[in-house]
Amino acid sequence: MNKTGSRAGRRARIRRRKKHEDVSKVTLSHEVQFVRLRKLLKERGFPSQHLIPVNFNDTGRGLMATHPIKANGTVISLPENCLLTTVTVLSSYMGEFIKRYQPPISPLVALCSFLVAERHRGDTSEWSPYIHVLPKFYTCPVCFPDDIIRLLPGSLWKKATEQKEQFEDLYSSSLTFFRSLQPLFSQPLEKLFTQDALRWAWCSVNTRTVYMEHDQSNYLSREKDVYALAPYLDLLNHCPNVQVKAGFNKETHCYEIKSVHGCKKFQQAFINYGPHDNHKLLLEYGFVASGNPHSVVYVDLEVLQLCLDKKDTQLSQKLLYLKDNDFLHNLTFSMDGPSWRLMTAFRLLSLKPEQYACWKNVLLGASVSRPQEQWCIDSALKLCNNLTEDNVKALERLSHLQQCTDHSRLEQLRVVESLRQEEQRILEHTQVLLENLERQQSLW
């Protein structure tokens, strides 16, 4: 191709790339809710000049850097009086009611109650610009109906069920306090402080607060008070591959986030919640990180037992030994294949009665015979195939349920589908690894 053709082709590629970039992110700065929020924060000393709200096609709402952020440079610095904490609540119209209520409520209930009340007050609320930016609904499992909960992988299904039960207990135990707030409202408290309202507030606190230790208040329970809602800052999305330093700076009286490697101009600025797998991210934050390097597929005891030899008269004793030595939890598959703990459990399960004296050595990493090692690989592959089959059925069910449903339920189904798809990717990769190991074993 001649030079003119090369330049034309290059220009066309650049135009296509720019067109794709324009489609992939839409600036939200002009929207009324963000204009009002930035005005509120500017009045409190936060200019927000270098980050603007953008809707990204892959992560949803986030913040884009309008200027380059250097390595170890500040991503955001939010003044203390922009933070919504229990100090805010205790100094508000609700403070006197909390201070005289016995027994003292927890910091979590105080924050949640304030959010419910502020949402009810609408535009008369000082914090209404922030309340309007908060999500209207969440995709955390605590919000899922039972039929969607059942589509979660086994171990996460159990945790999600426990979390829902704990939330319901929190609501029940807080009803008397909610009723004590009746003088603040003309509407009956039963219609205002509903379980759905508290669930929304609980998710707002659980998914969006930054960790910030506060002095113990005489008016709150002895639970640690470490919550701070951080308007605008909480628009930053999580990326497992990003490194940041975050914390409250007592000298500047600001909550600061610094980027270890920096961020390019016009790129999304990220933070990192920690080395969490997708089960943790979905349970606590309501989302799944695609390509998360910390992701694993968990193996439950019930699923593990499906690929074991029921004719093994010593099976119960072996499982009890594994349980006593804390080897029946955190058994996983990852992109590296079956975990060391899982293969160690299989090696112990492969032992013959005359080898029981070696149990401790096996748990410490000792090898077994070649036939037994082959059995371990075969068993791991069978387990992988069982999990894959379950995953495929769940994905088919999820696809079917998405055909006709409302928006909030659709978003819940999609986040569960994302989790299942990520697990399918791990299982398919693991299957290839184990099949290769099988072939290598057969050649020895």
Protein backbone atom coordinates (compact mmCIF):
# COMPACT_ATOMS: atom_id res chain seq x y z
CA MET A 1 0.00 0.00 0.00
CA ASN A 2 1.33 3.52 -0.79
CA LYS A 3 2.00 6.13 1.88
CA THR A 4 -1.16 8.06 1.08
CA GLY A 5 -3.19 4.89 1.59
CA SER A 6 -1.41 4.20 4.89
CA ARG A 7 -2.19 7.68 6.18
CA ALA A 8 -5.82 7.38 5.11
CA GLY A 9 -6.12 4.01 6.80
CA ARG A 10 -4.52 5.33 9.96
CA ARG A 11 -6.83 8.36 10.01
CA ALA A 12 -9.84 6.08 9.58
CA ARG A 13 -8.69 3.89 12.48
CA ILE A 14 -8.23 6.98 14.67
CA ARG A 15 -11.71 8.23 13.74
CA ARG A 16 -13.22 4.83 14.54
CA ARG A 17 -11.37 4.70 17.86
CA LYS A 18 -12.50 8.19 18.82
CA LYS A 19 -16.06 7.34 17.84
CA HIS A 20 -15.91 4.22 20.06
CA GLU A 21 -14.50 6.24 22.95
CA ASP A 22 -17.31 8.78 22.62
CA VAL A 23 -19.86 5.98 22.80
CA SER A 24 -18.13 4.24 25.71
CA LYS A 25 -18.41 7.18 28.12
CA VAL A 26 -20.98 9.93 28.56
CA THR A 27 -20.29 12.97 30.72
CA LEU A 28 -22.84 13.53 33.50
CA SER A 29 -21.52 16.92 34.75
CA HIS A 30 -24.43 18.83 33.21
CA GLU A 31 -27.10 16.76 34.97
CA VAL A 32 -28.95 18.72 37.65
CA GLN A 33 -28.21 16.24 40.44
CA PHE A 34 -24.44 16.48 39.91
CA VAL A 35 -24.53 20.28 39.47
CA ARG A 36 -26.30 20.56 42.83
CA LEU A 37 -23.92 18.11 44.51
CA ARG A 38 -20.81 19.92 43.30
CA LYS A 39 -22.32 23.25 44.42
CA LEU A 40 -22.95 21.84 47.92
CA LEU A 41 -19.42 20.46 48.20
CA LYS A 42 -17.82 23.61 46.78
CA GLU A 43 -19.53 25.62 49.53
CA ARG A 44 -17.85 23.25 51.99
CA GLY A 45 -14.38 23.70 50.50
CA PHE A 46 -14.18 20.97 47.84
CA PRO A 47 -13.66 22.31 44.28
CA SER A 48 -13.77 18.92 42.43
CA GLN A 49 -11.89 20.46 39.49
CA HIS A 50 -9.90 17.45 38.32
CA LEU A 51 -12.57 14.74 38.39
CA ILE A 52 -15.89 14.78 36.56
CA PRO A 53 -18.77 12.26 36.74
CA VAL A 54 -19.06 10.06 33.66
CA ASN A 55 -21.19 7.08 32.70
CA PHE A 56 -18.82 4.37 31.44
CA ASN A 57 -20.20 1.52 29.35
CA ASP A 58 -18.38 -1.16 31.35
CA THR A 59 -18.53 0.09 34.95
CA GLY A 60 -21.47 2.50 34.96
CA ARG A 61 -21.10 5.77 36.84
CA GLY A 62 -17.56 6.74 37.74
CA LEU A 63 -15.11 9.64 37.80
CA MET A 64 -12.87 10.65 34.90
CA ALA A 65 -9.62 12.55 35.36
CA THR A 66 -9.60 15.83 33.41
CA HIS A 67 -5.88 16.26 34.17
CA PRO A 68 -3.10 13.67 34.45
CA ILE A 69 -2.59 12.29 37.97
CA LYS A 70 1.07 11.62 38.66
CA ALA A 71 2.41 8.56 40.45
CA ASN A 72 1.71 8.96 44.18
CA GLY A 73 -0.41 11.99 43.29
CA THR A 74 -3.70 12.87 44.94
CA VAL A 75 -6.79 11.47 43.26
CA ILE A 76 -9.19 13.24 45.59
CA SER A 77 -9.07 15.14 48.88
CA LEU A 78 -12.46 15.58 50.52
CA PRO A 79 -12.71 18.04 53.46
CA GLU A 80 -14.00 16.66 56.75
CA ASN A 81 -17.14 18.81 56.73
CA CYS A 82 -18.15 17.16 53.44
CA LEU A 83 -18.27 13.76 55.16
CA LEU A 84 -21.51 12.42 56.58
CA THR A 85 -20.76 10.62 59.87
CA THR A 86 -22.39 9.96 63.23
CA VAL A 87 -21.01 13.35 64.30
CA THR A 88 -23.24 14.84 61.57
CA VAL A 89 -26.22 12.84 62.81
CA LEU A 90 -25.75 13.68 66.51
CA SER A 91 -25.52 17.40 65.72
CA SER A 92 -28.70 17.28 63.60
CA TYR A 93 -32.42 17.51 64.48
CA MET A 94 -32.25 13.77 65.22
CA GLY A 95 -29.41 14.13 67.71
CA GLU A 96 -31.49 14.83 70.84
CA PHE A 97 -33.69 11.81 70.19
CA ILE A 98 -30.64 9.55 69.84
CA LYS A 99 -28.96 11.00 72.93
CA ARG A 100 -31.88 10.25 75.24
CA TYR A 101 -32.78 6.85 73.80
CA GLN A 102 -31.87 3.79 75.90
CA PRO A 103 -30.21 1.44 75.34
CA PRO A 104 -27.95 3.41 72.96
CA ILE A 105 -28.33 2.56 69.28
CA SER A 106 -25.36 1.50 67.13
CA PRO A 107 -23.45 3.90 64.85
CA LEU A 108 -24.82 1.92 61.89
CA VAL A 109 -28.46 2.39 62.94
CA ALA A 110 -27.83 6.08 63.58
CA LEU A 111 -26.50 6.63 60.07
CA CYS A 112 -29.19 4.51 58.43
CA SER A 113 -31.97 6.30 60.32
CA PHE A 114 -30.61 9.68 59.26
CA LEU A 115 -30.48 8.63 55.59
CA VAL A 116 -34.08 7.40 55.68
CA ALA A 117 -35.21 10.64 57.31
CA GLU A 118 -33.24 12.85 54.91
CA ARG A 119 -34.63 11.05 51.87
CA HIS A 120 -38.13 11.59 53.26
CA ARG A 121 -37.48 15.33 53.74
CA GLY A 122 -36.73 15.71 50.03
CA ASP A 123 -35.43 19.08 48.84
CA THR A 124 -35.79 20.61 52.32
CA SER A 125 -32.89 18.40 53.42
CA GLU A 126 -29.45 20.00 53.60
CA TRP A 127 -28.07 16.75 52.19
CA SER A 128 -30.65 16.40 49.40
CA PRO A 129 -28.04 16.96 46.60
CA TYR A 130 -26.20 13.90 47.93
CA ILE A 131 -29.33 11.83 48.59
CA HIS A 132 -30.46 12.41 44.98
CA VAL A 133 -27.15 11.03 43.65
CA LEU A 134 -27.33 7.83 45.72
CA PRO A 135 -28.61 4.77 43.83
CA LYS A 136 -32.36 4.28 43.98
CA PHE A 137 -31.88 0.52 44.35
CA TYR A 138 -28.97 -1.85 44.94
CA THR A 139 -27.80 -5.16 43.52
CA CYS A 140 -26.56 -6.55 46.84
CA PRO A 141 -27.86 -10.05 47.72
CA VAL A 142 -29.61 -8.62 50.80
CA CYS A 143 -32.03 -7.06 48.28
CA PHE A 144 -32.56 -10.25 46.25
CA PRO A 145 -35.83 -12.20 46.36
CA ASP A 146 -35.47 -15.87 47.26
CA ASP A 147 -35.62 -17.15 43.68
CA ILE A 148 -32.58 -15.05 42.70
CA ILE A 149 -30.74 -15.94 45.92
CA ARG A 150 -31.07 -19.60 44.95
CA LEU A 151 -29.21 -18.93 41.69
CA LEU A 152 -26.05 -17.96 43.56
CA PRO A 153 -23.24 -20.54 43.97
CA GLY A 154 -23.72 -22.70 47.07
CA SER A 155 -21.35 -21.05 49.53
CA LEU A 156 -22.44 -17.56 48.53
CA TRP A 157 -26.10 -18.57 48.73
CA LYS A 158 -25.55 -19.54 52.37
CA LYS A 159 -23.74 -16.28 53.20
CA ALA A 160 -26.38 -14.20 51.42
CA THR A 161 -29.16 -15.98 53.33
CA GLU A 162 -27.37 -15.33 56.63
CA GLN A 163 -26.88 -11.68 55.68
CA LYS A 164 -30.59 -11.28 54.93
CA GLU A 165 -31.48 -12.85 58.28
CA GLN A 166 -29.06 -10.54 60.11
CA PHE A 167 -30.55 -7.52 58.37
CA GLU A 168 -34.09 -8.59 59.30
CA ASP A 169 -32.97 -8.96 62.93
CA LEU A 170 -31.47 -5.45 62.77
CA TYR A 171 -34.75 -4.06 61.51
CA SER A 172 -36.84 -5.84 64.13
CA SER A 173 -34.55 -4.74 66.97
CA SER A 174 -34.62 -1.10 65.76
CA LEU A 175 -38.41 -0.67 65.52
CA THR A 176 -38.78 0.72 69.04
CA PHE A 177 -36.13 3.36 68.32
CA PHE A 178 -37.80 4.29 65.03
CA ARG A 179 -41.10 4.82 66.87
CA SER A 180 -39.36 7.20 69.29
CA LEU A 181 -38.71 9.52 66.32
CA GLN A 182 -42.45 10.05 65.64
CA PRO A 183 -42.46 13.69 66.93
CA LEU A 184 -40.15 14.59 64.01
CA PHE A 185 -42.64 13.49 61.35
CA SER A 186 -46.28 14.00 60.49
CA GLN A 187 -46.41 10.71 58.62
CA PRO A 188 -46.84 7.48 60.66
CA LEU A 189 -43.43 5.93 61.32
CA GLU A 190 -44.63 2.54 60.10
CA LYS A 191 -44.97 4.01 56.60
CA LEU A 192 -41.67 5.88 56.71
CA PHE A 193 -39.23 3.48 58.40
CA THR A 194 -40.19 0.40 56.42
CA GLN A 195 -37.95 -2.60 55.94
CA ASP A 196 -37.36 -1.54 52.33
CA ALA A 197 -36.38 1.97 53.41
CA LEU A 198 -33.92 0.68 56.00
CA ARG A 199 -32.54 -1.84 53.47
CA TRP A 200 -31.82 1.01 51.04
CA ALA A 201 -30.06 2.99 53.77
CA TRP A 202 -28.16 -0.08 55.00
CA CYS A 203 -26.90 -0.76 51.47
CA SER A 204 -25.92 2.89 51.06
CA VAL A 205 -23.79 2.71 54.21
CA ASN A 206 -22.42 -0.78 53.56
CA THR A 207 -21.41 -0.16 49.96
CA ARG A 208 -20.36 3.49 50.00
CA THR A 209 -18.71 4.41 53.30
CA VAL A 210 -14.96 4.83 53.70
CA TYR A 211 -13.18 3.52 56.77
CA MET A 212 -12.63 6.30 59.30
CA GLU A 213 -12.25 5.75 63.03
CA HIS A 214 -14.21 8.10 65.27
CA ASP A 215 -13.98 8.76 69.01
CA GLN A 216 -16.40 6.69 71.03
CA SER A 217 -19.62 8.62 71.67
CA ASN A 218 -21.38 8.40 75.03
CA TYR A 219 -24.66 8.41 73.13
CA LEU A 220 -24.03 5.39 70.92
CA SER A 221 -23.42 1.70 71.60
CA ARG A 222 -19.90 0.36 72.08
CA GLU A 223 -19.66 -0.98 68.52
CA LYS A 224 -16.75 0.52 66.59
CA ASP A 225 -17.71 3.70 64.79
CA VAL A 226 -15.74 3.52 61.54
CA TYR A 227 -18.24 4.79 58.94
CA ALA A 228 -18.00 7.93 56.81
CA LEU A 229 -20.19 8.57 53.80
CA ALA A 230 -18.05 10.50 51.32
CA PRO A 231 -20.11 12.36 48.69
CA TYR A 232 -18.52 12.50 45.22
CA LEU A 233 -15.56 10.39 46.38
CA ASP A 234 -17.92 7.41 46.50
CA LEU A 235 -18.42 7.70 42.73
CA LEU A 236 -14.94 6.19 42.28
CA ASN A 237 -15.18 2.60 41.09
CA HIS A 238 -13.13 -0.38 42.27
CA CYS A 239 -10.44 -1.94 40.09
CA PRO A 240 -8.53 -4.98 41.47
CA ASN A 241 -5.37 -4.04 39.53
CA VAL A 242 -5.11 -0.48 40.86
CA GLN A 243 -3.03 0.47 43.90
CA VAL A 244 -4.02 3.39 46.09
CA LYS A 245 -3.27 4.81 49.53
CA ALA A 246 -6.34 6.02 51.38
CA GLY A 247 -7.12 7.46 54.78
CA PHE A 248 -8.07 10.51 56.80
CA ASN A 249 -5.28 13.10 57.02
CA LYS A 250 -5.44 14.70 60.47
CA GLU A 251 -3.18 17.55 59.36
CA THR A 252 -5.29 18.64 56.38
CA HIS A 253 -8.57 17.42 57.91
CA CYS A 254 -9.39 15.73 54.62
CA TYR A 255 -10.05 12.17 53.54
CA GLU A 256 -7.42 11.58 50.89
CA ILE A 257 -6.83 9.00 48.19
CA LYS A 258 -3.48 8.86 46.42
CA SER A 259 -2.75 6.79 43.30
CA VAL A 260 0.42 4.69 43.42
CA HIS A 261 0.86 4.59 39.64
CA GLY A 262 -1.15 7.64 38.63
CA CYS A 263 -3.89 8.03 36.03
CA LYS A 264 -3.88 9.37 32.46
CA LYS A 265 -5.92 12.35 31.35
CA PHE A 266 -9.47 11.45 30.24
CA GLN A 267 -9.17 7.98 31.81
CA GLN A 268 -11.38 6.64 34.58
CA ALA A 269 -9.83 7.10 38.02
CA PHE A 270 -10.18 3.99 40.18
CA ILE A 271 -9.73 2.97 43.79
CA ASN A 272 -9.16 -0.47 45.29
CA TYR A 273 -11.36 -1.93 48.03
CA GLY A 274 -8.82 -4.65 48.77
CA PRO A 275 -7.86 -8.10 47.39
CA HIS A 276 -11.46 -9.37 47.35
CA ASP A 277 -12.79 -12.21 45.23
CA ASN A 278 -16.08 -11.76 43.39
CA HIS A 279 -18.11 -13.48 46.10
CA LYS A 280 -16.98 -10.84 48.58
CA LEU A 281 -17.52 -7.99 46.11
CA LEU A 282 -21.05 -9.12 45.29
CA LEU A 283 -22.03 -9.85 48.89
CA GLU A 284 -20.74 -6.56 50.32
CA TYR A 285 -20.81 -4.15 47.39
CA GLY A 286 -23.28 -5.54 44.87
CA PHE A 287 -21.04 -5.89 41.83
CA VAL A 288 -18.65 -8.30 40.10
CA ALA A 289 -15.21 -7.35 38.73
CA SER A 290 -14.58 -8.81 35.30
CA GLY A 291 -11.22 -10.57 35.03
CA ASN A 292 -10.68 -10.24 38.79
CA PRO A 293 -7.29 -11.89 39.55
CA HIS A 294 -8.54 -12.77 43.05
CA SER A 295 -11.58 -14.67 41.77
CA VAL A 296 -12.04 -18.32 42.68
CA VAL A 297 -14.76 -20.96 42.49
CA TYR A 298 -15.54 -22.30 45.95
CA VAL A 299 -16.13 -26.00 46.56
CA ASP A 300 -18.79 -26.90 49.13
CA LEU A 301 -18.66 -30.13 51.09
CA GLU A 302 -21.94 -31.30 49.51
CA VAL A 303 -20.48 -30.87 46.00
CA LEU A 304 -17.15 -32.43 47.02
CA GLN A 305 -18.89 -35.56 48.33
CA LEU A 306 -20.60 -36.12 44.96
CA CYS A 307 -17.29 -37.11 43.37
CA LEU A 308 -16.07 -39.33 46.23
CA ASP A 309 -16.26 -43.11 46.44
CA LYS A 310 -19.31 -43.98 48.58
CA LYS A 311 -17.94 -47.52 48.94
CA ASP A 312 -14.96 -46.20 50.90
CA THR A 313 -15.79 -47.45 54.42
CA GLN A 314 -13.30 -44.94 55.87
CA LEU A 315 -14.78 -41.91 54.08
CA SER A 316 -16.57 -40.52 57.15
CA GLN A 317 -13.41 -40.85 59.24
CA LYS A 318 -11.33 -39.09 56.56
CA LEU A 319 -13.80 -36.23 56.27
CA LEU A 320 -13.85 -35.88 60.06
CA TYR A 321 -10.06 -35.73 60.09
CA LEU A 322 -10.11 -33.02 57.40
CA LYS A 323 -12.72 -31.09 59.37
CA ASP A 324 -10.75 -31.34 62.63
CA ASN A 325 -7.69 -29.99 60.81
CA ASP A 326 -9.68 -27.13 59.23
CA PHE A 327 -9.33 -28.52 55.70
CA LEU A 328 -12.96 -28.57 54.59
CA HIS A 329 -13.32 -24.84 53.91
CA ASN A 330 -11.69 -22.50 51.41
CA LEU A 331 -11.31 -25.31 48.86
CA THR A 332 -11.20 -23.60 45.47
CA PHE A 333 -10.46 -23.56 41.76
CA SER A 334 -8.79 -20.53 40.21
CA MET A 335 -7.19 -19.64 36.88
CA ASP A 336 -4.17 -21.56 38.21
CA GLY A 337 -6.30 -24.69 38.56
CA PRO A 338 -7.26 -26.53 41.77
CA SER A 339 -5.87 -24.93 44.91
CA TRP A 340 -3.17 -26.56 47.02
CA ARG A 341 -5.72 -27.06 49.81
CA LEU A 342 -8.14 -28.84 47.49
CA MET A 343 -5.51 -31.21 46.09
CA THR A 344 -4.19 -31.87 49.59
CA ALA A 345 -7.71 -32.80 50.70
CA PHE A 346 -7.98 -35.18 47.75
CA ARG A 347 -4.60 -36.75 48.60
CA LEU A 348 -5.72 -37.44 52.13
CA LEU A 349 -9.00 -38.88 50.85
CA SER A 350 -7.00 -41.23 48.59
CA LEU A 351 -5.10 -42.87 51.48
CA LYS A 352 -5.47 -46.59 52.19
CA PRO A 353 -5.89 -47.83 55.80
CA GLU A 354 -2.25 -48.94 55.93
CA GLN A 355 -1.21 -45.36 55.03
CA TYR A 356 -3.08 -43.58 57.82
CA ALA A 357 0.14 -43.02 59.75
CA CYS A 358 1.05 -40.57 56.94
CA TRP A 359 -2.00 -38.33 57.44
CA LYS A 360 -0.12 -35.48 59.06
CA ASN A 361 2.63 -35.60 56.45
CA VAL A 362 0.08 -35.44 53.64
CA LEU A 363 -1.54 -32.37 55.20
CA LEU A 364 1.91 -30.79 55.28
CA GLY A 365 2.41 -31.44 51.57
CA ALA A 366 3.83 -34.96 51.31
CA SER A 367 3.24 -36.74 48.01
CA VAL A 368 1.28 -39.94 47.48
CA SER A 369 1.79 -42.79 45.03
CA ARG A 370 1.40 -42.28 41.28
CA PRO A 371 -1.94 -44.19 41.07
CA GLN A 372 -3.26 -42.13 43.99
CA GLU A 373 -2.09 -38.90 42.37
CA GLN A 374 -3.93 -39.98 39.21
CA TRP A 375 -7.06 -40.55 41.31
CA CYS A 376 -6.71 -37.06 42.79
CA ILE A 377 -6.49 -35.47 39.33
CA ASP A 378 -9.44 -37.55 38.07
CA SER A 379 -11.49 -36.57 41.13
CA ALA A 380 -10.63 -32.88 40.70
CA LEU A 381 -11.70 -33.08 37.04
CA LYS A 382 -14.95 -34.81 37.99
CA LEU A 383 -15.58 -32.10 40.57
CA CYS A 384 -14.81 -29.41 38.01
CA ASN A 385 -17.25 -30.97 35.55
CA ASN A 386 -19.99 -31.16 38.21
CA LEU A 387 -19.54 -27.48 39.03
CA THR A 388 -19.55 -26.62 35.33
CA GLU A 389 -22.82 -28.48 34.81
CA ASP A 390 -24.41 -26.65 37.73
CA ASN A 391 -23.11 -23.35 36.38
CA VAL A 392 -24.54 -23.98 32.90
CA LYS A 393 -27.98 -24.77 34.37
CA ALA A 394 -27.86 -21.57 36.47
CA LEU A 395 -26.90 -19.48 33.42
CA GLU A 396 -29.78 -20.97 31.41
CA ARG A 397 -32.20 -20.16 34.22
CA LEU A 398 -30.83 -16.62 34.51
CA SER A 399 -31.24 -16.07 30.79
CA HIS A 400 -34.83 -17.26 30.94
CA LEU A 401 -35.73 -15.02 33.92
CA GLN A 402 -34.35 -11.93 32.15
CA GLN A 403 -36.88 -12.23 29.33
CA CYS A 404 -39.68 -10.45 31.16
CA THR A 405 -38.97 -8.52 34.34
CA ASP A 406 -38.72 -5.01 35.81
CA HIS A 407 -35.54 -2.91 35.77
CA SER A 408 -34.36 -3.43 39.36
CA ARG A 409 -34.89 -7.19 39.18
CA LEU A 410 -33.16 -7.28 35.78
CA GLU A 411 -30.09 -5.60 37.26
CA GLN A 412 -30.02 -8.18 40.06
CA LEU A 413 -30.21 -11.02 37.57
CA ARG A 414 -27.45 -9.50 35.47
CA VAL A 415 -25.00 -9.21 38.35
CA VAL A 416 -25.60 -12.87 39.28
CA GLU A 417 -25.14 -13.78 35.62
CA SER A 418 -21.82 -11.88 35.59
CA LEU A 419 -20.64 -13.87 38.59
CA ARG A 420 -21.64 -17.17 37.00
CA GLN A 421 -19.93 -16.20 33.72
CA GLU A 422 -16.70 -15.36 35.56
CA GLU A 423 -16.85 -18.72 37.34
CA GLN A 424 -17.52 -20.49 34.05
CA ARG A 425 -14.36 -18.91 32.64
CA ILE A 426 -12.34 -20.28 35.58
CA LEU A 427 -13.89 -23.74 35.37
CA GLU A 428 -13.31 -24.06 31.63
CA HIS A 429 -9.68 -23.05 32.05
CA THR A 430 -9.27 -25.47 34.97
CA GLN A 431 -10.76 -28.29 32.92
CA VAL A 432 -8.07 -27.80 30.25
CA LEU A 433 -5.32 -27.74 32.89
CA LEU A 434 -6.56 -30.94 34.54
CA GLU A 435 -6.98 -32.76 31.23
CA ASN A 436 -3.38 -31.88 30.38
CA LEU A 437 -2.27 -33.20 33.77
CA GLU A 438 -4.20 -36.41 33.13
CA ARG A 439 -2.37 -36.95 29.84
CA GLN A 440 0.99 -36.26 31.46
CA GLN A 441 0.24 -38.74 34.24
CA SER A 442 -0.70 -41.44 31.74
CA LEU A 443 2.65 -41.03 29.97
CA TRP A 444 4.70 -41.67 33.13
